[in-house]
């Protein structure tokens, strides 16, 4: 006996938007954003009302600094989509991207960062 297939609702009734439709298919961010890069809402942008709902959500989420990974989780979008959205918000002057240690700055800076993270984890 064959199992009956359950019909899926039409796409227009589900309210689901493909993640990369939000970014217009773009996958590259203008800013270098690591998972741990901190983002905060600019004080001067607190009264701004961005056109894109995702930028509004990013601004709300980043009233206290949040990492790129935390923002992606809050928006429920893939990391690549979050990076593009955050980058767009930074280009619009809505958020500040806080500088993180990059591979160009040497092993000593990376070691110091890892020691601070480990110290923070131990305090939890």
Protein backbone atom coordinates (compact mmCIF):
# COMPACT_ATOMS: atom_id res chain seq x y z
CA UNK A 1 0.00 0.00 0.00
CA UNK A 2 1.52 3.37 -1.04
CA UNK A 3 1.65 6.19 1.44
CA UNK A 4 -0.23 9.32 0.45
CA UNK A 5 1.80 12.48 0.07
CA UNK A 6 0.73 15.36 2.25
CA UNK A 7 0.20 18.44 0.09
CA UNK A 8 2.39 21.42 1.02
CA UNK A 9 0.83 24.85 1.32
CA UNK A 10 1.53 27.26 -1.52
CA UNK A 11 4.71 29.34 -1.00
CA UNK A 12 2.79 32.62 -0.91
CA UNK A 13 0.75 31.52 2.11
CA UNK A 14 3.65 30.36 4.29
CA UNK A 15 5.27 33.78 4.74
CA UNK A 16 8.71 32.22 4.32
CA UNK A 17 11.32 34.31 2.52
CA UNK A 18 14.47 32.61 1.31
CA UNK A 19 17.41 34.05 3.28
CA UNK A 20 19.39 35.21 0.26
CA UNK A 21 16.33 37.02 -1.11
CA UNK A 22 16.75 39.39 1.85
CA UNK A 23 20.21 40.37 0.57
CA UNK A 24 19.24 40.46 -3.09
CA UNK A 25 21.38 37.38 -3.69
CA UNK A 26 24.55 39.07 -2.43
CA UNK A 27 26.90 36.90 -0.43
CA UNK A 28 29.81 39.29 0.18
CA UNK A 29 29.95 41.87 2.95
CA UNK A 30 31.80 45.18 2.56
CA UNK A 31 33.26 44.80 6.06
CA UNK A 32 35.44 41.98 7.36
CA UNK A 33 33.21 40.36 9.98
CA UNK A 34 34.44 37.46 12.07
CA UNK A 35 32.08 35.41 14.26
CA UNK A 36 33.29 37.25 17.34
CA UNK A 37 33.27 40.76 15.84
CA UNK A 38 31.20 43.00 18.08
CA UNK A 39 28.51 45.25 16.65
CA UNK A 40 26.77 48.09 18.47
CA UNK A 41 24.07 50.57 17.53
CA UNK A 42 25.43 54.05 16.91
CA UNK A 43 24.10 56.60 19.37
CA UNK A 44 23.53 59.03 16.53
CA UNK A 45 21.33 56.46 14.75
CA UNK A 46 18.99 55.66 17.65
CA UNK A 47 16.22 57.84 16.21
CA UNK A 48 16.69 56.55 12.66
CA UNK A 49 14.02 54.31 11.18
CA UNK A 50 15.64 52.15 8.49
CA UNK A 51 13.57 50.95 5.54
CA UNK A 52 14.63 47.33 5.92
CA UNK A 53 13.08 45.48 8.87
CA UNK A 54 16.28 43.43 9.33
CA UNK A 55 18.26 46.64 9.91
CA UNK A 56 15.71 47.69 12.53
CA UNK A 57 16.13 44.30 14.24
CA UNK A 58 19.92 44.57 14.13
CA UNK A 59 19.77 48.05 15.70
CA UNK A 60 17.44 46.84 18.43
CA UNK A 61 19.58 43.77 19.12
CA UNK A 62 22.81 45.81 19.27
CA UNK A 63 21.78 48.39 21.85
CA UNK A 64 24.27 46.40 23.90
CA UNK A 65 27.21 45.09 21.81
CA UNK A 66 26.51 41.72 20.21
CA UNK A 67 28.73 39.40 18.19
CA UNK A 68 28.03 38.61 14.55
CA UNK A 69 27.14 35.05 15.60
CA UNK A 70 24.61 36.28 18.18
CA UNK A 71 22.99 38.59 15.63
CA UNK A 72 22.68 35.76 13.09
CA UNK A 73 21.00 33.65 15.76
CA UNK A 74 18.63 36.44 16.79
CA UNK A 75 17.65 37.12 13.17
CA UNK A 76 17.36 33.38 12.46
CA UNK A 77 19.36 33.71 9.24
CA UNK A 78 22.53 31.96 8.00
CA UNK A 79 25.81 33.57 9.03
CA UNK A 80 26.57 34.76 5.48
CA UNK A 81 23.24 36.57 5.28
CA UNK A 82 23.80 38.17 8.69
CA UNK A 83 27.23 39.40 7.59
CA UNK A 84 25.76 41.10 4.52
CA UNK A 85 22.92 42.68 6.53
CA UNK A 86 25.28 43.91 9.26
CA UNK A 87 27.66 45.29 6.65
CA UNK A 88 24.80 47.14 4.95
CA UNK A 89 23.69 48.58 8.30
CA UNK A 90 27.26 49.73 8.99
CA UNK A 91 27.48 51.35 5.53
CA UNK A 92 24.24 53.20 6.31
CA UNK A 93 25.73 54.52 9.57
CA UNK A 94 23.29 52.61 11.77
CA UNK A 95 25.79 50.41 13.62
CA UNK A 96 29.46 50.42 14.54
CA UNK A 97 31.69 47.46 13.69
CA UNK A 98 34.26 47.11 16.46
CA UNK A 99 37.69 46.10 15.28
CA UNK A 100 38.90 42.58 16.09
CA UNK A 101 42.33 41.03 15.91
CA UNK A 102 43.00 39.81 12.36
CA UNK A 103 45.54 37.37 10.97
CA UNK A 104 47.75 40.26 9.86
CA UNK A 105 48.48 41.38 13.40
CA UNK A 106 50.64 38.45 14.45
CA UNK A 107 50.48 35.47 16.75
CA UNK A 108 51.06 37.50 19.94
CA UNK A 109 47.79 39.41 19.54
CA UNK A 110 45.91 36.16 18.86
CA UNK A 111 47.42 34.54 21.94
CA UNK A 112 46.37 37.50 24.10
CA UNK A 113 42.83 37.32 22.72
CA UNK A 114 42.61 33.58 23.40
CA UNK A 115 43.90 34.13 26.96
CA UNK A 116 41.23 36.78 27.60
CA UNK A 117 38.51 34.48 26.24
CA UNK A 118 39.75 31.59 28.37
CA UNK A 119 39.86 33.82 31.43
CA UNK A 120 36.29 34.97 30.76
CA UNK A 121 35.10 31.39 30.37
CA UNK A 122 36.70 30.40 33.66
CA UNK A 123 34.83 33.24 35.41
CA UNK A 124 31.50 31.80 34.19
